[in-house]
N, C-alpha and C. Protein backbone atom coordinates (compact mmCIF):
# COMPACT_ATOMS: atom_id res chain seq x y z
N GLN A 1 -72.27 -61.27 -16.35
CA GLN A 1 -72.47 -61.85 -15.03
C GLN A 1 -71.35 -61.38 -14.10
N VAL A 2 -71.76 -60.83 -12.97
CA VAL A 2 -70.78 -60.33 -12.01
C VAL A 2 -70.32 -61.46 -11.11
N GLN A 3 -69.02 -61.54 -10.90
CA GLN A 3 -68.46 -62.54 -10.00
C GLN A 3 -67.38 -61.92 -9.13
N LEU A 4 -67.33 -62.34 -7.89
CA LEU A 4 -66.24 -62.02 -6.98
C LEU A 4 -65.57 -63.33 -6.61
N VAL A 5 -64.28 -63.42 -6.85
CA VAL A 5 -63.57 -64.67 -6.60
C VAL A 5 -62.42 -64.42 -5.63
N GLU A 6 -62.54 -65.04 -4.45
CA GLU A 6 -61.50 -64.88 -3.44
C GLU A 6 -60.44 -65.96 -3.59
N SER A 7 -59.25 -65.64 -3.11
CA SER A 7 -58.16 -66.62 -3.06
C SER A 7 -57.19 -66.21 -1.96
N GLY A 8 -56.32 -67.14 -1.57
CA GLY A 8 -55.27 -66.82 -0.63
C GLY A 8 -55.44 -67.39 0.77
N GLY A 9 -56.57 -68.03 1.04
CA GLY A 9 -56.75 -68.61 2.36
C GLY A 9 -55.85 -69.82 2.56
N GLY A 10 -55.86 -70.32 3.79
CA GLY A 10 -55.06 -71.50 4.07
C GLY A 10 -54.94 -71.77 5.55
N LEU A 11 -54.10 -72.74 5.88
CA LEU A 11 -53.83 -73.12 7.27
C LEU A 11 -52.46 -72.58 7.66
N VAL A 12 -52.43 -71.76 8.70
CA VAL A 12 -51.18 -71.18 9.16
C VAL A 12 -51.10 -71.28 10.68
N GLN A 13 -49.94 -70.96 11.21
CA GLN A 13 -49.75 -70.93 12.65
C GLN A 13 -49.94 -69.51 13.19
N ALA A 14 -50.23 -69.42 14.45
CA ALA A 14 -50.37 -68.12 15.09
C ALA A 14 -49.10 -67.29 14.87
N GLY A 15 -49.30 -66.02 14.52
CA GLY A 15 -48.19 -65.14 14.24
C GLY A 15 -47.82 -65.04 12.78
N ASP A 16 -48.32 -65.96 11.98
CA ASP A 16 -48.03 -65.95 10.54
C ASP A 16 -48.87 -64.90 9.81
N SER A 17 -48.62 -64.80 8.52
CA SER A 17 -49.33 -63.84 7.67
C SER A 17 -49.98 -64.54 6.49
N LEU A 18 -51.04 -63.95 5.99
CA LEU A 18 -51.69 -64.38 4.76
C LEU A 18 -52.16 -63.14 4.02
N ARG A 19 -52.26 -63.27 2.70
CA ARG A 19 -52.80 -62.19 1.89
C ARG A 19 -53.96 -62.74 1.07
N LEU A 20 -55.14 -62.21 1.32
CA LEU A 20 -56.31 -62.60 0.57
C LEU A 20 -56.51 -61.65 -0.62
N SER A 21 -56.98 -62.21 -1.71
CA SER A 21 -57.29 -61.42 -2.89
C SER A 21 -58.73 -61.68 -3.30
N CYS A 22 -59.35 -60.69 -3.88
CA CYS A 22 -60.71 -60.83 -4.40
C CYS A 22 -60.78 -60.10 -5.73
N GLU A 23 -60.93 -60.87 -6.78
CA GLU A 23 -60.99 -60.28 -8.12
C GLU A 23 -62.43 -60.23 -8.59
N ALA A 24 -62.85 -59.05 -9.01
CA ALA A 24 -64.21 -58.86 -9.51
C ALA A 24 -64.21 -58.90 -11.03
N SER A 25 -65.26 -59.46 -11.58
CA SER A 25 -65.43 -59.47 -13.03
C SER A 25 -66.89 -59.18 -13.35
N GLY A 26 -67.10 -58.65 -14.53
CA GLY A 26 -68.46 -58.36 -14.96
C GLY A 26 -68.87 -56.90 -14.81
N ARG A 27 -68.21 -56.19 -13.93
CA ARG A 27 -68.41 -54.75 -13.77
C ARG A 27 -67.31 -54.21 -12.89
N THR A 28 -67.15 -52.90 -12.90
CA THR A 28 -66.14 -52.27 -12.06
C THR A 28 -66.80 -51.70 -10.81
N PHE A 29 -66.00 -51.66 -9.73
CA PHE A 29 -66.53 -51.21 -8.44
C PHE A 29 -65.75 -50.04 -7.86
N SER A 30 -65.02 -49.32 -8.70
CA SER A 30 -64.16 -48.26 -8.18
C SER A 30 -64.95 -47.17 -7.46
N ARG A 31 -66.22 -47.01 -7.78
CA ARG A 31 -67.03 -45.98 -7.13
C ARG A 31 -67.99 -46.54 -6.11
N TYR A 32 -67.81 -47.80 -5.75
CA TYR A 32 -68.73 -48.44 -4.83
C TYR A 32 -67.97 -49.06 -3.66
N PRO A 33 -68.67 -49.20 -2.56
CA PRO A 33 -68.04 -49.83 -1.39
C PRO A 33 -67.68 -51.29 -1.64
N MET A 34 -66.52 -51.66 -1.16
CA MET A 34 -66.11 -53.05 -1.15
C MET A 34 -65.54 -53.36 0.23
N ALA A 35 -65.70 -54.58 0.65
CA ALA A 35 -65.30 -54.93 2.01
C ALA A 35 -65.00 -56.41 2.12
N TRP A 36 -64.34 -56.74 3.22
CA TRP A 36 -64.12 -58.12 3.63
C TRP A 36 -64.96 -58.38 4.89
N PHE A 37 -65.62 -59.51 4.90
CA PHE A 37 -66.34 -60.01 6.06
C PHE A 37 -65.76 -61.38 6.41
N ARG A 38 -66.09 -61.85 7.59
CA ARG A 38 -65.71 -63.21 7.97
C ARG A 38 -66.80 -63.84 8.81
N GLN A 39 -66.84 -65.15 8.78
CA GLN A 39 -67.83 -65.88 9.55
C GLN A 39 -67.21 -67.13 10.13
N ALA A 40 -67.17 -67.18 11.44
CA ALA A 40 -66.67 -68.35 12.15
C ALA A 40 -67.83 -69.30 12.43
N PRO A 41 -67.56 -70.58 12.65
CA PRO A 41 -68.64 -71.54 12.92
C PRO A 41 -69.50 -71.12 14.10
N GLY A 42 -70.81 -71.11 13.90
CA GLY A 42 -71.72 -70.76 14.97
C GLY A 42 -71.86 -69.28 15.25
N LYS A 43 -71.20 -68.47 14.44
CA LYS A 43 -71.26 -67.03 14.67
C LYS A 43 -71.83 -66.32 13.45
N GLU A 44 -72.26 -65.08 13.66
CA GLU A 44 -72.78 -64.29 12.56
C GLU A 44 -71.62 -63.75 11.72
N ARG A 45 -71.96 -63.43 10.48
CA ARG A 45 -70.97 -62.83 9.61
C ARG A 45 -70.65 -61.43 10.13
N GLU A 46 -69.34 -61.11 10.20
CA GLU A 46 -68.94 -59.83 10.75
C GLU A 46 -68.03 -59.07 9.79
N PHE A 47 -68.14 -57.76 9.85
CA PHE A 47 -67.31 -56.87 9.05
C PHE A 47 -65.87 -56.94 9.53
N VAL A 48 -64.93 -56.97 8.57
CA VAL A 48 -63.51 -56.97 8.90
C VAL A 48 -62.86 -55.66 8.48
N ALA A 49 -63.02 -55.30 7.21
CA ALA A 49 -62.39 -54.08 6.69
C ALA A 49 -63.03 -53.72 5.37
N GLY A 50 -62.95 -52.43 5.02
CA GLY A 50 -63.49 -52.01 3.74
C GLY A 50 -63.38 -50.52 3.52
N SER A 51 -63.75 -50.09 2.31
CA SER A 51 -63.78 -48.68 1.99
C SER A 51 -64.95 -48.40 1.06
N ARG A 52 -65.39 -47.15 1.06
CA ARG A 52 -66.56 -46.79 0.26
C ARG A 52 -66.23 -46.70 -1.22
N MET A 53 -65.03 -46.23 -1.53
CA MET A 53 -64.63 -46.10 -2.92
C MET A 53 -63.13 -45.82 -2.95
N ARG A 54 -62.58 -45.82 -4.16
CA ARG A 54 -61.16 -45.55 -4.32
C ARG A 54 -60.80 -44.22 -3.67
N GLY A 55 -59.75 -44.22 -2.88
CA GLY A 55 -59.26 -43.00 -2.26
C GLY A 55 -59.96 -42.62 -0.97
N ASP A 56 -61.00 -43.33 -0.63
CA ASP A 56 -61.76 -43.03 0.58
C ASP A 56 -61.06 -43.64 1.79
N SER A 57 -61.49 -43.21 2.96
CA SER A 57 -60.95 -43.78 4.19
C SER A 57 -61.24 -45.27 4.26
N ILE A 58 -60.34 -45.97 4.94
CA ILE A 58 -60.51 -47.40 5.14
C ILE A 58 -60.92 -47.64 6.59
N PHE A 59 -61.85 -48.53 6.77
CA PHE A 59 -62.38 -48.82 8.09
C PHE A 59 -62.06 -50.26 8.47
N TYR A 60 -61.78 -50.46 9.74
CA TYR A 60 -61.43 -51.78 10.25
C TYR A 60 -62.25 -52.11 11.49
N GLU A 61 -62.52 -53.38 11.63
CA GLU A 61 -63.09 -53.89 12.87
C GLU A 61 -62.00 -53.78 13.94
N ASP A 62 -62.40 -53.47 15.16
CA ASP A 62 -61.41 -53.14 16.20
C ASP A 62 -60.37 -54.23 16.42
N SER A 63 -60.77 -55.49 16.39
CA SER A 63 -59.83 -56.56 16.73
C SER A 63 -58.75 -56.77 15.68
N VAL A 64 -58.91 -56.20 14.48
CA VAL A 64 -57.90 -56.40 13.43
C VAL A 64 -57.07 -55.15 13.17
N LYS A 65 -57.43 -54.05 13.81
CA LYS A 65 -56.67 -52.81 13.61
C LYS A 65 -55.20 -53.01 13.98
N GLY A 66 -54.32 -52.54 13.11
CA GLY A 66 -52.90 -52.68 13.35
C GLY A 66 -52.32 -54.00 12.87
N ARG A 67 -53.18 -54.96 12.54
CA ARG A 67 -52.71 -56.26 12.05
C ARG A 67 -53.10 -56.51 10.59
N PHE A 68 -54.28 -56.05 10.21
CA PHE A 68 -54.80 -56.28 8.86
C PHE A 68 -54.74 -54.98 8.07
N THR A 69 -54.50 -55.11 6.77
CA THR A 69 -54.49 -53.96 5.88
C THR A 69 -55.35 -54.23 4.66
N PHE A 70 -56.33 -53.37 4.47
CA PHE A 70 -57.22 -53.46 3.31
C PHE A 70 -56.68 -52.57 2.20
N SER A 71 -56.73 -53.05 0.98
CA SER A 71 -56.34 -52.21 -0.15
C SER A 71 -57.16 -52.60 -1.37
N ARG A 72 -57.24 -51.67 -2.31
CA ARG A 72 -57.97 -51.95 -3.53
C ARG A 72 -57.17 -51.44 -4.71
N ASP A 73 -57.10 -52.23 -5.76
CA ASP A 73 -56.44 -51.88 -7.01
C ASP A 73 -57.54 -51.85 -8.07
N ASP A 74 -58.06 -50.65 -8.31
CA ASP A 74 -59.19 -50.55 -9.22
C ASP A 74 -58.79 -50.83 -10.67
N ALA A 75 -57.54 -50.66 -10.99
CA ALA A 75 -57.09 -51.00 -12.35
C ALA A 75 -57.23 -52.50 -12.59
N LYS A 76 -57.08 -53.28 -11.52
CA LYS A 76 -57.21 -54.73 -11.63
C LYS A 76 -58.57 -55.21 -11.13
N ASN A 77 -59.40 -54.25 -10.68
CA ASN A 77 -60.71 -54.60 -10.14
C ASN A 77 -60.59 -55.64 -9.02
N THR A 78 -59.62 -55.42 -8.16
CA THR A 78 -59.26 -56.39 -7.13
C THR A 78 -59.08 -55.69 -5.79
N VAL A 79 -59.53 -56.35 -4.73
CA VAL A 79 -59.26 -55.88 -3.38
C VAL A 79 -58.45 -56.93 -2.65
N TYR A 80 -57.70 -56.47 -1.67
CA TYR A 80 -56.80 -57.36 -0.94
C TYR A 80 -57.02 -57.19 0.56
N LEU A 81 -56.62 -58.20 1.28
CA LEU A 81 -56.59 -58.11 2.74
C LEU A 81 -55.29 -58.75 3.19
N GLN A 82 -54.35 -57.92 3.58
CA GLN A 82 -53.09 -58.41 4.13
C GLN A 82 -53.30 -58.65 5.62
N MET A 83 -53.09 -59.87 6.06
CA MET A 83 -53.34 -60.24 7.45
C MET A 83 -52.02 -60.66 8.09
N ASN A 84 -51.58 -59.88 9.06
CA ASN A 84 -50.35 -60.17 9.78
C ASN A 84 -50.67 -60.53 11.23
N SER A 85 -49.70 -61.13 11.89
CA SER A 85 -49.85 -61.50 13.31
C SER A 85 -51.17 -62.22 13.56
N LEU A 86 -51.43 -63.21 12.74
CA LEU A 86 -52.71 -63.92 12.84
C LEU A 86 -52.85 -64.65 14.17
N LYS A 87 -54.09 -64.69 14.64
CA LYS A 87 -54.42 -65.32 15.91
C LYS A 87 -55.44 -66.45 15.66
N PRO A 88 -55.51 -67.42 16.55
CA PRO A 88 -56.52 -68.48 16.38
C PRO A 88 -57.93 -67.93 16.25
N GLU A 89 -58.23 -66.83 16.92
CA GLU A 89 -59.58 -66.26 16.84
C GLU A 89 -59.88 -65.60 15.49
N ASP A 90 -58.88 -65.51 14.62
CA ASP A 90 -59.11 -65.04 13.25
C ASP A 90 -59.62 -66.15 12.34
N THR A 91 -59.65 -67.37 12.84
CA THR A 91 -60.11 -68.50 12.05
C THR A 91 -61.57 -68.30 11.63
N ALA A 92 -61.82 -68.36 10.33
CA ALA A 92 -63.15 -68.12 9.79
C ALA A 92 -63.12 -68.31 8.27
N VAL A 93 -64.30 -68.31 7.69
CA VAL A 93 -64.39 -68.18 6.23
C VAL A 93 -64.45 -66.68 5.94
N TYR A 94 -63.59 -66.23 5.06
CA TYR A 94 -63.52 -64.82 4.71
C TYR A 94 -64.21 -64.59 3.37
N TYR A 95 -65.08 -63.58 3.35
CA TYR A 95 -65.86 -63.26 2.16
C TYR A 95 -65.56 -61.85 1.68
N CYS A 96 -65.49 -61.72 0.39
CA CYS A 96 -65.40 -60.41 -0.26
C CYS A 96 -66.82 -59.99 -0.64
N ALA A 97 -67.10 -58.69 -0.50
CA ALA A 97 -68.44 -58.19 -0.81
C ALA A 97 -68.35 -56.85 -1.50
N ALA A 98 -69.32 -56.59 -2.36
CA ALA A 98 -69.39 -55.32 -3.08
C ALA A 98 -70.82 -54.79 -3.03
N ALA A 99 -70.92 -53.50 -2.81
CA ALA A 99 -72.24 -52.87 -2.73
C ALA A 99 -72.51 -52.08 -4.01
N LEU A 100 -73.77 -51.74 -4.20
CA LEU A 100 -74.15 -50.91 -5.34
C LEU A 100 -74.72 -49.57 -4.89
N LYS A 101 -74.53 -49.25 -3.63
CA LYS A 101 -74.99 -47.98 -3.10
C LYS A 101 -73.83 -46.99 -3.12
N THR A 102 -74.09 -45.80 -3.58
CA THR A 102 -73.04 -44.79 -3.56
C THR A 102 -73.00 -44.06 -2.23
N TYR A 103 -74.05 -44.22 -1.42
CA TYR A 103 -74.06 -43.63 -0.09
C TYR A 103 -74.32 -44.71 0.93
N MET A 104 -73.33 -44.95 1.78
CA MET A 104 -73.46 -45.92 2.86
C MET A 104 -72.84 -45.32 4.10
N PRO A 105 -73.65 -44.87 5.04
CA PRO A 105 -73.08 -44.23 6.24
C PRO A 105 -72.22 -45.17 7.06
N THR A 106 -72.47 -46.45 6.95
CA THR A 106 -71.64 -47.41 7.63
C THR A 106 -71.40 -48.61 6.71
N LEU A 107 -70.28 -49.26 6.86
CA LEU A 107 -69.92 -50.37 5.99
C LEU A 107 -70.16 -51.74 6.61
N GLU A 108 -70.61 -51.77 7.86
CA GLU A 108 -70.54 -53.01 8.64
C GLU A 108 -71.69 -53.97 8.48
N PHE A 109 -72.75 -53.61 7.76
CA PHE A 109 -73.91 -54.49 7.71
C PHE A 109 -73.93 -55.32 6.43
N PRO A 110 -73.91 -56.65 6.57
CA PRO A 110 -73.93 -57.50 5.36
C PRO A 110 -75.13 -57.22 4.46
N ARG A 111 -76.24 -56.83 5.00
CA ARG A 111 -77.45 -56.62 4.21
C ARG A 111 -77.29 -55.52 3.16
N ASP A 112 -76.30 -54.65 3.34
CA ASP A 112 -76.10 -53.55 2.41
C ASP A 112 -75.30 -53.95 1.16
N TYR A 113 -74.79 -55.17 1.13
CA TYR A 113 -73.95 -55.61 0.02
C TYR A 113 -74.73 -56.49 -0.94
N PHE A 114 -74.53 -56.26 -2.23
CA PHE A 114 -75.29 -56.96 -3.25
C PHE A 114 -74.57 -58.17 -3.79
N TYR A 115 -73.25 -58.07 -3.92
CA TYR A 115 -72.47 -59.17 -4.48
C TYR A 115 -71.55 -59.76 -3.42
N TRP A 116 -71.42 -61.09 -3.46
CA TRP A 116 -70.58 -61.81 -2.51
C TRP A 116 -69.75 -62.86 -3.25
N GLY A 117 -68.55 -63.05 -2.74
CA GLY A 117 -67.74 -64.15 -3.24
C GLY A 117 -68.12 -65.45 -2.55
N GLN A 118 -67.46 -66.51 -2.94
CA GLN A 118 -67.79 -67.83 -2.41
C GLN A 118 -67.14 -68.09 -1.05
N GLY A 119 -66.17 -67.27 -0.70
CA GLY A 119 -65.49 -67.42 0.58
C GLY A 119 -64.21 -68.22 0.47
N THR A 120 -63.27 -67.90 1.34
CA THR A 120 -62.02 -68.64 1.42
C THR A 120 -61.71 -68.91 2.89
N GLN A 121 -61.34 -70.14 3.20
CA GLN A 121 -61.13 -70.55 4.59
C GLN A 121 -59.76 -70.10 5.08
N VAL A 122 -59.76 -69.49 6.24
CA VAL A 122 -58.52 -69.15 6.94
C VAL A 122 -58.55 -69.87 8.28
N THR A 123 -57.55 -70.69 8.52
CA THR A 123 -57.45 -71.43 9.77
C THR A 123 -56.11 -71.13 10.42
N VAL A 124 -56.16 -70.66 11.66
CA VAL A 124 -54.95 -70.30 12.39
C VAL A 124 -54.82 -71.23 13.58
N SER A 125 -53.75 -72.00 13.60
CA SER A 125 -53.53 -72.92 14.71
C SER A 125 -52.67 -72.26 15.78
N SER A 126 -52.87 -72.69 17.00
CA SER A 126 -52.12 -72.09 18.13
C SER A 126 -50.82 -72.81 18.37
């Protein structure tokens, strides 16, 4: 059984940092796209950051560029999202996702991902 388990969310103040982790079990994803998405109340789930596979380019949503860093440790089957200079508008439930497609021209569509974690809440107060 494949599982993605996120951790690291919490309540912080604007300007603070958090590091999210997502550990996969049941299969390895080193050759498949993995990404972080987030969903704020009343809004659609949106792409935050991700990569197609180990060593590939990393892509970021424009509002997090320069503040968030995506990384993957395939030896640990884990992906991370280092979030610095957090803003109140970053408040959302953050989800880890993994795809089973080896070809994905874009990483931003939730429909392309097969596995999802349960989500971890990130709340940034002003």
